[in-house]
N, C-alpha and C. Protein backbone atom coordinates (compact mmCIF):
# COMPACT_ATOMS: atom_id res chain seq x y z
N UNK A 1 0.55 -1.31 -0.12
CA UNK A 1 -0.08 0.25 0.15
C UNK A 1 0.86 0.83 -0.04
N UNK A 2 2.08 1.05 0.47
CA UNK A 2 2.81 2.02 0.62
C UNK A 2 3.35 2.59 -0.75
N UNK A 3 3.35 1.64 -2.17
CA UNK A 3 3.39 2.20 -3.21
C UNK A 3 2.27 3.20 -3.69
N UNK A 4 1.25 2.44 -3.67
CA UNK A 4 0.01 3.29 -4.10
C UNK A 4 -0.11 4.94 -3.66
N UNK A 5 0.35 4.84 -2.14
CA UNK A 5 0.28 6.05 -1.51
C UNK A 5 1.10 7.30 -2.18
N UNK A 6 2.48 6.35 -2.31
CA UNK A 6 3.03 7.68 -3.30
C UNK A 6 2.54 8.10 -5.08
N UNK A 7 1.82 7.56 -5.18
CA UNK A 7 1.55 7.66 -6.85
C UNK A 7 0.37 8.41 -6.70
N UNK A 8 -0.53 8.06 -5.34
CA UNK A 8 -1.55 8.79 -4.69
C UNK A 8 -0.88 10.14 -5.31
N UNK A 9 -0.12 10.70 -3.95
CA UNK A 9 0.83 12.01 -4.00
C UNK A 9 1.30 12.29 -4.92
N UNK A 10 1.85 11.92 -6.23
CA UNK A 10 2.60 12.31 -6.99
C UNK A 10 1.50 12.86 -7.68
N UNK A 11 0.26 11.68 -8.37
CA UNK A 11 -0.75 12.36 -9.23
C UNK A 11 -1.43 13.64 -8.82
N UNK A 12 -2.07 13.74 -7.41
CA UNK A 12 -2.16 14.83 -6.76
C UNK A 12 -1.64 16.57 -6.79
N UNK A 13 -0.28 16.01 -6.91
CA UNK A 13 0.42 17.30 -7.40
C UNK A 13 0.00 17.86 -8.98
N UNK A 14 -0.63 16.87 -9.27
CA UNK A 14 -0.58 17.07 -10.51
C UNK A 14 -2.42 17.79 -10.93
N UNK A 15 -2.93 17.78 -9.92
CA UNK A 15 -4.56 18.26 -10.35
C UNK A 15 -4.62 19.54 -10.45
N UNK A 16 -3.82 20.20 -10.08
CA UNK A 16 -4.37 21.57 -9.99
C UNK A 16 -3.82 22.79 -11.47
N UNK A 17 -2.85 21.38 -12.24
CA UNK A 17 -2.69 22.01 -13.60
C UNK A 17 -4.08 21.97 -14.38
N UNK A 18 -5.05 20.76 -14.24
CA UNK A 18 -6.11 20.77 -14.91
C UNK A 18 -7.01 21.88 -15.74
N UNK A 19 -7.18 22.73 -15.30
CA UNK A 19 -7.51 23.96 -15.68
C UNK A 19 -6.68 24.85 -16.85
N UNK A 20 -5.60 24.22 -17.61
CA UNK A 20 -4.48 25.20 -18.15
C UNK A 20 -4.87 24.30 -19.76
N UNK A 21 -4.78 24.90 -20.51
CA UNK A 21 -5.23 24.91 -21.74
C UNK A 21 -5.94 23.52 -21.73
N UNK A 22 -7.14 23.46 -22.04
CA UNK A 22 -8.24 22.66 -22.12
C UNK A 22 -8.97 22.80 -23.74
N UNK A 23 -8.32 23.86 -24.50
CA UNK A 23 -9.22 23.36 -25.68
C UNK A 23 -8.80 22.26 -26.61
N UNK A 24 -7.93 21.62 -26.23
CA UNK A 24 -7.49 20.69 -26.97
C UNK A 24 -7.64 19.04 -25.91
N UNK A 25 -9.09 18.84 -25.56
CA UNK A 25 -9.21 17.80 -25.03
C UNK A 25 -9.66 16.52 -26.14
N UNK A 26 -9.30 15.38 -25.57
CA UNK A 26 -9.44 14.78 -26.51
C UNK A 26 -10.06 13.31 -25.64
N UNK A 27 -11.01 12.56 -26.50
CA UNK A 27 -11.44 11.37 -25.51
C UNK A 27 -10.72 10.41 -26.33
N UNK A 28 -10.52 9.65 -25.47
CA UNK A 28 -9.66 7.98 -25.77
C UNK A 28 -10.63 6.84 -25.33
N UNK A 29 -10.86 5.46 -26.20
CA UNK A 29 -11.13 4.48 -25.92
C UNK A 29 -10.21 3.45 -25.87
N UNK A 30 -9.99 2.55 -25.15
CA UNK A 30 -8.77 1.43 -25.52
C UNK A 30 -9.60 0.09 -24.66
N UNK A 31 -9.11 -0.70 -25.14
CA UNK A 31 -8.79 -2.42 -25.07
C UNK A 31 -8.04 -2.69 -24.07
N UNK A 32 -7.64 -3.62 -23.08
CA UNK A 32 -6.49 -4.00 -22.51
C UNK A 32 -6.31 -5.35 -21.61
N UNK A 33 -5.17 -5.77 -21.75
CA UNK A 33 -5.57 -7.51 -20.79
C UNK A 33 -4.63 -7.05 -20.40
N UNK A 34 -4.53 -8.13 -18.99
CA UNK A 34 -3.34 -8.61 -18.07
C UNK A 34 -2.83 -9.79 -17.79
N UNK A 35 -2.15 -10.64 -17.36
CA UNK A 35 -1.93 -11.31 -16.10
C UNK A 35 -0.77 -11.26 -15.49
N UNK A 36 -0.97 -11.88 -14.17
CA UNK A 36 0.02 -12.16 -13.46
C UNK A 36 -0.26 -14.18 -12.70
N UNK A 37 0.83 -13.60 -13.47
CA UNK A 37 1.14 -15.51 -12.67
C UNK A 37 1.88 -15.91 -11.89
N UNK A 38 1.80 -14.87 -10.49
CA UNK A 38 2.18 -14.87 -9.45
C UNK A 38 1.58 -13.56 -8.47
N UNK A 39 0.84 -13.98 -7.58
CA UNK A 39 -0.16 -13.46 -6.85
C UNK A 39 0.06 -13.82 -5.41
N UNK A 40 0.59 -12.83 -4.34
CA UNK A 40 0.08 -12.41 -3.09
C UNK A 40 -0.70 -13.13 -2.45
N UNK A 41 -1.16 -13.90 -1.99
CA UNK A 41 -1.80 -14.22 -0.70
C UNK A 41 -1.41 -14.04 0.93
N UNK A 42 -2.09 -13.31 1.97
CA UNK A 42 -2.26 -13.47 3.09
C UNK A 42 -3.16 -14.15 3.52
N UNK A 43 -1.97 -15.51 4.51
CA UNK A 43 -2.76 -16.50 4.76
C UNK A 43 -3.45 -16.15 5.86
N UNK A 44 -4.68 -16.64 6.52
CA UNK A 44 -5.17 -16.50 7.58
C UNK A 44 -4.01 -17.10 9.14
N UNK A 45 -3.27 -17.92 8.59
CA UNK A 45 -2.43 -18.13 9.79
C UNK A 45 -1.35 -17.53 9.70
N UNK A 46 -1.36 -16.16 9.08
CA UNK A 46 0.10 -14.86 9.00
C UNK A 46 0.91 -14.98 8.25
N UNK A 47 1.25 -16.10 7.27
CA UNK A 47 2.03 -16.36 6.10
C UNK A 47 1.62 -15.46 4.71
N UNK A 48 2.27 -15.82 4.30
CA UNK A 48 2.29 -15.23 2.61
C UNK A 48 2.22 -16.54 1.79
N UNK A 49 2.03 -16.37 0.23
CA UNK A 49 2.28 -17.38 -0.57
C UNK A 49 2.18 -17.13 -1.95
N UNK A 50 2.70 -17.60 -2.79
CA UNK A 50 2.62 -16.80 -4.53
C UNK A 50 2.31 -17.38 -5.13
N UNK A 51 1.08 -18.25 -5.05
CA UNK A 51 1.02 -19.82 -5.91
C UNK A 51 -0.57 -19.24 -6.45
N UNK A 52 -0.98 -18.14 -6.37
CA UNK A 52 -2.03 -17.67 -7.22
C UNK A 52 -2.16 -17.14 -8.54
N UNK A 53 -2.99 -17.46 -9.48
CA UNK A 53 -2.82 -16.21 -10.74
C UNK A 53 -3.84 -15.40 -10.82
N UNK A 54 -3.67 -14.40 -11.86
CA UNK A 54 -5.19 -13.66 -12.08
C UNK A 54 -5.10 -13.13 -13.35
N UNK A 55 -6.10 -13.11 -13.93
CA UNK A 55 -6.41 -12.50 -15.68
C UNK A 55 -7.17 -11.58 -15.47
N UNK A 56 -7.24 -10.63 -16.33
CA UNK A 56 -8.66 -9.57 -16.24
C UNK A 56 -8.04 -8.74 -18.26
N UNK A 57 -9.55 -8.94 -18.80
CA UNK A 57 -9.73 -8.33 -19.93
C UNK A 57 -10.80 -6.84 -19.45
N UNK A 58 -10.51 -5.44 -20.54
CA UNK A 58 -11.39 -4.56 -19.50
C UNK A 58 -11.20 -3.65 -21.09
N UNK A 59 -12.21 -2.67 -20.86
CA UNK A 59 -12.31 -1.81 -21.54
C UNK A 59 -12.33 -0.03 -20.83
N UNK A 60 -11.71 0.59 -21.90
CA UNK A 60 -11.36 2.23 -20.73
C UNK A 60 -11.93 3.17 -21.57
N UNK A 61 -12.65 3.97 -20.97
CA UNK A 61 -13.01 5.47 -21.50
C UNK A 61 -11.70 6.84 -20.67
N UNK A 62 -11.17 7.45 -21.22
CA UNK A 62 -10.43 8.19 -20.51
C UNK A 62 -11.01 9.55 -21.15
N UNK A 63 -10.42 11.18 -20.73
CA UNK A 63 -10.64 12.58 -21.23
C UNK A 63 -9.06 12.47 -20.75
N UNK A 64 -8.64 13.23 -22.10
CA UNK A 64 -7.10 13.65 -21.91
C UNK A 64 -7.13 15.41 -21.93
N UNK A 65 -6.49 15.73 -21.02
CA UNK A 65 -6.22 17.33 -21.14
C UNK A 65 -4.84 17.39 -21.62
N UNK A 66 -4.77 18.75 -22.38
CA UNK A 66 -3.13 19.22 -22.95
C UNK A 66 -2.88 19.89 -21.73
N UNK A 67 -2.36 19.91 -20.86
CA UNK A 67 -2.12 20.47 -19.50
C UNK A 67 -1.04 21.30 -19.94
N UNK A 68 0.60 20.58 -20.22
CA UNK A 68 1.54 21.72 -20.92
C UNK A 68 2.29 20.16 -21.90
N UNK A 69 3.63 21.24 -21.84
CA UNK A 69 4.55 20.21 -22.56
C UNK A 69 5.30 19.16 -22.16
N UNK A 70 5.28 18.96 -20.61
CA UNK A 70 5.57 18.00 -19.77
C UNK A 70 4.87 16.75 -19.22
N UNK A 71 3.92 17.25 -19.33
CA UNK A 71 2.45 16.06 -18.72
C UNK A 71 1.11 16.01 -19.14
N UNK A 72 0.31 15.58 -19.42
CA UNK A 72 -0.86 15.52 -19.52
C UNK A 72 -2.00 14.83 -18.40
N UNK A 73 -2.60 15.12 -17.76
CA UNK A 73 -3.32 13.79 -17.17
C UNK A 73 -4.54 13.58 -17.80
N UNK A 74 -5.10 12.77 -17.60
CA UNK A 74 -6.24 11.79 -17.94
C UNK A 74 -7.17 11.45 -17.03
N UNK A 75 -8.46 11.78 -16.45
CA UNK A 75 -9.10 11.17 -16.03
C UNK A 75 -10.01 9.63 -16.81
N UNK A 76 -10.05 8.74 -16.26
CA UNK A 76 -10.08 7.36 -16.83
C UNK A 76 -11.47 6.16 -16.04
N UNK A 77 -11.86 5.70 -16.55
CA UNK A 77 -13.01 4.86 -16.05
C UNK A 77 -12.64 3.24 -16.82
N UNK A 78 -12.40 2.23 -15.88
CA UNK A 78 -12.20 0.53 -16.33
C UNK A 78 -13.63 0.52 -16.22
N UNK A 79 -14.72 -0.38 -17.46
CA UNK A 79 -15.19 -1.43 -17.30
C UNK A 79 -14.86 -2.59 -17.55
N UNK A 80 -14.77 -3.46 -16.62
CA UNK A 80 -14.23 -4.96 -16.72
C UNK A 80 -15.50 -6.34 -16.88
N UNK A 81 -15.71 -6.61 -18.22
CA UNK A 81 -16.00 -7.96 -18.16
C UNK A 81 -15.64 -9.04 -17.90
N UNK A 82 -14.80 -9.03 -17.89
CA UNK A 82 -13.96 -10.63 -17.43
C UNK A 82 -12.57 -10.21 -16.32
N UNK A 83 -13.11 -10.96 -15.15
CA UNK A 83 -11.29 -11.37 -14.06
C UNK A 83 -11.63 -12.79 -14.15
N UNK A 84 -10.04 -13.24 -13.75
CA UNK A 84 -10.56 -14.87 -13.65
C UNK A 84 -8.97 -14.85 -12.58
N UNK A 85 -9.82 -14.92 -11.46
CA UNK A 85 -8.28 -15.11 -10.22
C UNK A 85 -8.69 -17.19 -9.88
N UNK A 86 -7.74 -17.71 -9.67
CA UNK A 86 -6.88 -19.16 -9.45
C UNK A 86 -6.21 -18.96 -8.18
N UNK A 87 -6.49 -20.06 -7.49
CA UNK A 87 -6.21 -19.80 -6.33
C UNK A 87 -5.83 -21.07 -5.70
N UNK A 88 -4.76 -21.36 -4.47
CA UNK A 88 -5.30 -22.37 -3.33
C UNK A 88 -6.47 -22.35 -2.12
N UNK A 89 -7.14 -23.14 -1.33
CA UNK A 89 -7.98 -22.60 -0.61
C UNK A 89 -7.98 -23.99 -0.03
N UNK A 90 -8.03 -24.24 1.77
CA UNK A 90 -8.85 -25.28 2.23
C UNK A 90 -10.03 -25.21 2.81
N UNK A 91 -10.95 -26.33 2.26
CA UNK A 91 -12.01 -26.33 2.62
C UNK A 91 -12.36 -27.78 3.48
N UNK A 92 -13.21 -27.87 4.13
CA UNK A 92 -13.85 -28.54 5.02
C UNK A 92 -14.39 -29.76 4.25
N UNK A 93 -13.91 -30.86 4.40
CA UNK A 93 -14.27 -32.24 4.02
C UNK A 93 -14.15 -33.47 4.66
N UNK A 94 -15.07 -33.78 5.80
CA UNK A 94 -15.55 -34.39 6.93
C UNK A 94 -14.50 -35.77 6.24
N UNK A 95 -14.05 -36.10 7.18
CA UNK A 95 -13.88 -35.73 8.42
C UNK A 95 -12.35 -35.12 8.91
N UNK A 96 -12.17 -34.62 7.42
CA UNK A 96 -10.83 -33.62 7.92
C UNK A 96 -10.93 -32.57 6.57
N UNK A 97 -9.68 -31.38 6.28
CA UNK A 97 -10.25 -30.91 5.64
C UNK A 97 -8.98 -30.63 4.11
N UNK A 98 -9.26 -30.31 2.97
CA UNK A 98 -8.61 -30.65 2.13
C UNK A 98 -8.47 -29.36 1.68
N UNK A 99 -6.83 -29.49 0.92
CA UNK A 99 -6.37 -28.42 0.35
C UNK A 99 -6.67 -28.65 -1.35
N UNK A 100 -7.34 -27.57 -1.77
CA UNK A 100 -7.63 -27.84 -3.30
C UNK A 100 -7.86 -26.48 -3.77
N UNK A 101 -7.52 -26.49 -5.31
CA UNK A 101 -7.65 -25.11 -6.04
C UNK A 101 -8.85 -24.65 -6.57
N UNK A 102 -9.13 -23.46 -6.06
CA UNK A 102 -10.56 -22.52 -6.89
C UNK A 102 -10.22 -21.51 -8.07
N UNK A 103 -11.17 -21.71 -8.75
CA UNK A 103 -11.49 -20.41 -9.67
C UNK A 103 -12.18 -19.53 -9.35
N UNK A 104 -12.69 -18.14 -9.34
CA UNK A 104 -13.72 -17.25 -9.11
C UNK A 104 -13.93 -16.55 -10.76
N UNK A 105 -14.60 -16.05 -10.77
CA UNK A 105 -14.70 -15.29 -12.53
C UNK A 105 -15.66 -13.84 -11.96
N UNK A 106 -14.92 -12.88 -12.50
CA UNK A 106 -15.59 -11.64 -11.95
C UNK A 106 -15.80 -10.62 -13.28
N UNK A 107 -16.64 -9.79 -12.71
CA UNK A 107 -17.21 -8.38 -13.68
C UNK A 107 -16.66 -7.13 -12.85
N UNK A 108 -16.60 -6.43 -13.14
CA UNK A 108 -16.49 -4.85 -12.32
C UNK A 108 -16.21 -3.89 -13.17
N UNK A 109 -16.43 -3.05 -12.41
CA UNK A 109 -16.14 -1.31 -13.42
C UNK A 109 -15.05 -0.48 -11.79
N UNK A 110 -13.96 0.33 -12.80
CA UNK A 110 -13.24 1.00 -11.89
C UNK A 110 -12.87 2.32 -12.18
N UNK A 111 -14.81 3.16 -11.55
CA UNK A 111 -14.92 4.37 -11.71
C UNK A 111 -13.93 5.98 -12.14
N UNK A 112 -13.01 5.47 -11.20
CA UNK A 112 -12.20 6.55 -10.51
C UNK A 112 -10.74 6.40 -10.44
N UNK A 113 -10.09 6.61 -11.96
CA UNK A 113 -9.35 6.72 -11.91
C UNK A 113 -8.36 8.19 -12.83
N UNK A 114 -7.07 7.89 -13.00
CA UNK A 114 -6.29 8.73 -13.40
C UNK A 114 -4.85 8.77 -13.73
N UNK A 115 -4.44 9.07 -14.60
CA UNK A 115 -3.42 8.78 -15.32
C UNK A 115 -2.38 9.99 -15.98
N UNK A 116 -1.21 9.91 -15.49
CA UNK A 116 -0.17 11.02 -15.88
C UNK A 116 0.43 10.28 -16.93
N UNK A 117 1.05 11.19 -18.28
CA UNK A 117 1.52 11.13 -19.31
C UNK A 117 2.59 12.26 -19.37
N UNK A 118 3.70 11.52 -19.15
CA UNK A 118 5.06 12.20 -19.32
C UNK A 118 5.54 12.60 -21.05
N UNK A 119 6.15 13.98 -21.47
CA UNK A 119 6.69 14.10 -22.70
C UNK A 119 5.19 13.95 -23.64
N UNK A 120 4.02 14.52 -23.77
CA UNK A 120 2.94 14.48 -24.08
C UNK A 120 3.14 14.50 -25.84
N UNK A 121 4.10 15.44 -26.17
CA UNK A 121 4.34 15.62 -27.88
C UNK A 121 4.96 14.59 -28.44
N UNK A 122 5.71 13.73 -27.37
CA UNK A 122 6.38 12.38 -28.35
C UNK A 122 5.77 11.37 -28.20
N UNK A 123 6.07 10.56 -29.15
CA UNK A 123 5.42 9.29 -29.91
C UNK A 123 5.94 8.75 -28.79
N UNK A 124 6.76 8.24 -27.58
CA UNK A 124 6.95 7.20 -26.69
C UNK A 124 6.78 8.47 -25.66
N UNK A 125 5.54 7.74 -24.85
CA UNK A 125 5.32 8.68 -23.20
C UNK A 125 5.32 7.71 -22.33
N UNK A 126 6.05 8.13 -21.48
CA UNK A 126 6.16 7.19 -20.48
C UNK A 126 4.70 7.66 -19.45
N UNK A 127 4.52 7.18 -18.35
CA UNK A 127 2.83 7.33 -17.29
C UNK A 127 2.88 6.64 -16.37
N UNK A 128 2.32 7.58 -15.54
CA UNK A 128 1.56 6.46 -13.87
C UNK A 128 0.61 7.13 -14.08
N UNK A 129 -0.25 5.32 -13.36
CA UNK A 129 -1.46 5.96 -12.63
C UNK A 129 -1.77 5.28 -12.09
N UNK A 130 -3.36 5.23 -11.54
CA UNK A 130 -4.25 5.31 -10.09
C UNK A 130 -5.46 5.16 -10.63
N UNK A 131 -6.45 4.24 -9.72
CA UNK A 131 -7.46 3.80 -10.04
C UNK A 131 -8.12 2.56 -8.93
N UNK A 132 -9.14 2.85 -8.49
CA UNK A 132 -9.81 2.63 -7.51
C UNK A 132 -11.45 2.04 -8.20
N UNK A 133 -12.01 0.72 -7.78
CA UNK A 133 -13.26 0.21 -8.21
C UNK A 133 -13.17 -1.14 -7.74
N UNK A 134 -14.11 -1.50 -8.03
CA UNK A 134 -14.92 -2.89 -7.72
C UNK A 134 -15.04 -4.22 -8.39
N UNK A 135 -14.88 -5.30 -8.10
CA UNK A 135 -15.17 -7.00 -8.55
C UNK A 135 -16.46 -7.85 -8.26
N UNK A 136 -17.00 -7.97 -9.00
CA UNK A 136 -18.40 -8.84 -8.51
C UNK A 136 -17.82 -10.34 -8.72
N UNK A 137 -17.83 -11.58 -7.74
CA UNK A 137 -17.23 -12.72 -8.46
C UNK A 137 -18.86 -13.60 -8.70
N UNK A 138 -18.43 -14.28 -8.88
CA UNK A 138 -19.34 -15.43 -9.31
C UNK A 138 -20.08 -16.32 -7.96
N UNK A 139 -18.69 -16.32 -6.99
CA UNK A 139 -19.71 -17.32 -5.78
C UNK A 139 -18.72 -16.30 -4.55
N UNK A 140 -18.60 -16.59 -3.33
CA UNK A 140 -18.33 -15.89 -2.06
C UNK A 140 -16.16 -16.55 -2.44
N UNK A 141 -16.05 -15.33 -2.02
CA UNK A 141 -14.32 -15.47 -2.31
C UNK A 141 -13.64 -14.93 -1.54
N UNK A 142 -12.60 -16.07 -0.72
CA UNK A 142 -12.18 -17.05 -1.52
C UNK A 142 -13.17 -18.03 -1.13
N UNK A 143 -14.29 -18.30 0.14
CA UNK A 143 -14.74 -19.85 -0.11
C UNK A 143 -15.82 -18.94 0.63
N UNK A 144 -16.81 -19.90 1.45
CA UNK A 144 -18.00 -19.17 2.15
C UNK A 144 -17.90 -18.14 3.14
N UNK A 145 -16.70 -18.09 3.98
CA UNK A 145 -16.29 -17.20 4.70
C UNK A 145 -16.22 -16.12 4.16
N UNK A 146 -15.58 -15.96 2.80
CA UNK A 146 -15.35 -14.29 2.00
C UNK A 146 -16.68 -13.80 1.36
N UNK A 147 -16.95 -12.82 0.27
CA UNK A 147 -17.64 -12.27 0.08
C UNK A 147 -17.53 -12.16 -1.59
N UNK A 148 -18.96 -12.35 -2.54
CA UNK A 148 -18.70 -11.76 -4.01
C UNK A 148 -18.22 -10.53 -4.39
N UNK A 149 -18.66 -9.59 -3.42
CA UNK A 149 -18.47 -8.01 -3.53
C UNK A 149 -16.94 -7.75 -3.16
N UNK A 150 -15.78 -7.37 -3.79
CA UNK A 150 -14.81 -7.47 -3.62
C UNK A 150 -14.20 -5.62 -4.11
N UNK A 151 -13.20 -4.96 -3.83
CA UNK A 151 -12.57 -3.98 -4.17
C UNK A 151 -11.07 -4.05 -4.62
N UNK A 152 -11.22 -2.90 -5.49
CA UNK A 152 -9.91 -2.97 -5.97
C UNK A 152 -9.07 -1.66 -5.94
N UNK A 153 -7.72 -1.83 -5.79
CA UNK A 153 -6.88 -0.75 -5.79
C UNK A 153 -5.52 -1.30 -6.99
N UNK A 154 -5.67 -0.11 -8.24
CA UNK A 154 -4.38 -0.52 -8.73
C UNK A 154 -3.63 0.79 -8.99
N UNK A 155 -2.60 0.44 -9.01
CA UNK A 155 -1.16 1.36 -9.63
C UNK A 155 -0.04 1.21 -9.85
N UNK A 156 -0.16 2.09 -11.13
CA UNK A 156 1.56 1.29 -11.87
C UNK A 156 1.88 2.30 -12.53
N UNK A 157 3.03 1.83 -13.32
CA UNK A 157 3.49 2.42 -15.03
C UNK A 157 3.72 1.92 -16.14
N UNK A 158 3.69 2.76 -17.04
CA UNK A 158 4.31 2.03 -18.27
C UNK A 158 4.47 3.03 -19.18
N UNK A 159 4.20 2.89 -20.59
CA UNK A 159 4.87 3.64 -21.77
C UNK A 159 3.74 3.26 -22.82
N UNK A 160 3.61 4.56 -23.57
CA UNK A 160 2.47 4.71 -24.43
C UNK A 160 3.18 5.24 -25.60
N UNK A 161 2.98 4.07 -26.52
CA UNK A 161 3.79 4.83 -27.89
C UNK A 161 2.47 4.89 -29.34
N UNK A 162 2.53 6.44 -28.94
CA UNK A 162 1.87 6.68 -30.02
C UNK A 162 2.01 6.53 -31.91
N UNK A 163 0.58 5.81 -32.20
CA UNK A 163 1.03 5.64 -34.10
C UNK A 163 0.16 6.70 -34.41
N UNK A 164 -0.06 6.43 -35.67
CA UNK A 164 -0.41 7.42 -36.60
C UNK A 164 -1.84 7.23 -36.89
N UNK A 165 -2.74 8.38 -37.30
CA UNK A 165 -4.57 7.99 -37.44
C UNK A 165 -4.89 7.86 -35.54
N UNK A 166 -4.55 8.40 -34.63
CA UNK A 166 -4.68 8.99 -33.66
C UNK A 166 -4.91 7.44 -32.60
N UNK A 167 -4.24 6.84 -32.95
CA UNK A 167 -4.12 5.37 -32.25
C UNK A 167 -2.63 5.69 -31.02
N UNK A 168 -2.67 4.25 -30.63
CA UNK A 168 -1.31 4.10 -29.30
C UNK A 168 -1.48 2.76 -29.18
N UNK A 169 -0.66 2.26 -28.44
CA UNK A 169 -0.33 1.37 -27.65
C UNK A 169 0.01 1.40 -26.54
N UNK A 170 -0.02 0.31 -25.37
CA UNK A 170 0.38 0.45 -24.38
C UNK A 170 0.79 -0.65 -24.02
N UNK A 171 2.54 -0.88 -23.14
CA UNK A 171 2.45 -1.75 -22.45
C UNK A 171 3.14 -1.08 -20.77
N UNK A 172 2.28 -2.20 -20.33
CA UNK A 172 2.78 -1.61 -18.60
C UNK A 172 2.55 -2.48 -17.31
N UNK A 173 3.16 -1.86 -16.55
CA UNK A 173 2.72 -2.72 -15.02
C UNK A 173 1.78 -2.16 -14.14
N UNK A 174 1.23 -2.81 -13.62
CA UNK A 174 -0.08 -2.76 -12.43
C UNK A 174 0.61 -3.20 -11.19
N UNK A 175 0.43 -2.68 -10.07
CA UNK A 175 0.12 -3.42 -8.83
C UNK A 175 -1.54 -3.36 -8.56
N UNK A 176 -1.73 -4.70 -8.58
CA UNK A 176 -3.52 -4.99 -8.77
C UNK A 176 -3.86 -5.37 -6.69
N UNK A 177 -4.65 -4.73 -6.27
CA UNK A 177 -5.04 -5.29 -4.98
C UNK A 177 -6.38 -5.49 -5.23
N UNK A 178 -6.65 -6.58 -4.19
CA UNK A 178 -8.43 -7.21 -4.30
C UNK A 178 -8.39 -7.60 -3.08
N UNK A 179 -9.10 -6.85 -2.13
CA UNK A 179 -10.11 -7.46 -1.13
C UNK A 179 -11.13 -7.04 -0.72
N UNK A 180 -11.89 -7.78 0.16
CA UNK A 180 -13.36 -6.65 0.79
C UNK A 180 -13.32 -6.54 1.99
N UNK A 181 -11.92 -5.82 2.01
CA UNK A 181 -11.88 -4.16 2.93
C UNK A 181 -12.60 -5.23 4.36
N UNK A 182 -12.55 -6.54 4.76
CA UNK A 182 -12.57 -7.00 5.97
C UNK A 182 -13.88 -7.31 6.31
N UNK A 183 -15.07 -7.58 4.93
CA UNK A 183 -16.44 -7.29 5.09
C UNK A 183 -16.93 -8.61 5.29
N UNK A 184 -15.96 -9.18 5.11
CA UNK A 184 -16.27 -10.84 5.39
C UNK A 184 -15.65 -11.59 6.73
N UNK A 185 -15.74 -13.03 6.97
CA UNK A 185 -14.87 -13.57 8.25
C UNK A 185 -13.94 -13.54 7.63
N UNK A 186 -13.57 -13.96 6.30
CA UNK A 186 -12.28 -14.18 5.32
C UNK A 186 -11.73 -12.78 4.53
N UNK A 187 -10.95 -12.43 4.95
CA UNK A 187 -10.18 -11.10 3.90
C UNK A 187 -8.78 -11.73 3.76
N UNK A 188 -8.35 -12.66 2.81
CA UNK A 188 -6.64 -12.71 2.60
C UNK A 188 -6.16 -11.54 2.15
N UNK A 189 -7.47 -11.25 0.87
CA UNK A 189 -6.04 -9.99 -0.07
C UNK A 189 -5.32 -10.75 -0.97
N UNK A 190 -5.47 -10.14 -2.01
CA UNK A 190 -4.67 -10.68 -3.34
C UNK A 190 -4.29 -9.43 -3.82
N UNK A 191 -2.56 -9.97 -4.05
CA UNK A 191 -1.33 -8.20 -4.51
C UNK A 191 -0.90 -9.07 -5.47
N UNK A 192 -1.66 -8.83 -7.16
CA UNK A 192 -1.47 -9.06 -8.22
C UNK A 192 -0.05 -8.09 -8.78
N UNK A 193 0.84 -8.29 -9.14
CA UNK A 193 2.00 -8.10 -10.21
C UNK A 193 1.42 -8.55 -11.72
N UNK A 194 0.78 -7.43 -11.91
CA UNK A 194 0.16 -7.52 -13.34
C UNK A 194 0.70 -6.66 -14.16
N UNK A 195 1.28 -7.68 -15.27
CA UNK A 195 1.87 -7.24 -16.52
C UNK A 195 0.47 -6.81 -17.47
N UNK A 196 0.37 -5.45 -18.73
CA UNK A 196 -1.13 -5.80 -19.47
C UNK A 196 -0.53 -5.01 -21.25
N UNK A 197 -1.37 -5.65 -21.21
CA UNK A 197 -1.01 -4.50 -23.28
C UNK A 197 -2.26 -4.05 -23.41
N UNK A 198 -2.68 -2.93 -24.18
CA UNK A 198 -3.62 -2.21 -24.36
C UNK A 198 -3.37 -1.75 -25.76
N UNK A 199 -4.49 -1.48 -26.61
CA UNK A 199 -4.64 -0.41 -28.04
C UNK A 199 -5.55 0.81 -27.64
N UNK A 200 -5.48 1.93 -28.13
CA UNK A 200 -5.88 2.91 -27.77
C UNK A 200 -6.48 3.87 -29.24
N UNK A 201 -7.97 3.97 -29.15
CA UNK A 201 -8.34 5.02 -30.19
C UNK A 201 -8.82 6.30 -29.33
N UNK A 202 -8.37 7.56 -29.98
CA UNK A 202 -8.22 8.81 -29.90
C UNK A 202 -9.59 9.29 -30.67
N UNK A 203 -10.34 10.28 -30.34
CA UNK A 203 -11.44 10.94 -30.98
C UNK A 203 -11.45 12.09 -30.20
N UNK A 204 -12.23 12.80 -30.78
CA UNK A 204 -12.92 14.73 -30.35
C UNK A 204 -14.17 14.37 -29.81
């Protein structure tokens, strides 16, 4: 969470400039997907494991503001039609308990997000981003003691390569955290180191 706080503070410093030079605002529509082959899970016993996986596909709308020659700020909204979480869990199977892998499917939305693109007049633009949202799983997660509704917090960085005809390709990394905010009896928390790829269309 410390990394997310640092990203949030950095983006907050950029917010005051959003009132400058907004005559060239652009709309963007993106499709992106990512996968985390190793997800950190906080075990009920207090330990941690990295034997979970997470995949996600999303559609993003962004409003881009031409703030200055060195940074552009975007407001982003993500719709998540599909997310897949695979993880080990211990379930009661009388007369004992059994360790097995579970798969959960989810959909959701991240309605609050910001992205800061640096060197906005260049083809290759590094960026920082932060989003807050929720995921609704098809079953209670991680088990009957969890919840279907979970919250997501994501922050990361990447590069955006601007193509011809107002298109772009994005390659990036997200620290993607999922938890039910202790609304369930069990709240293991999943920290996904997510690598993702995206394709963007810009329009006015």
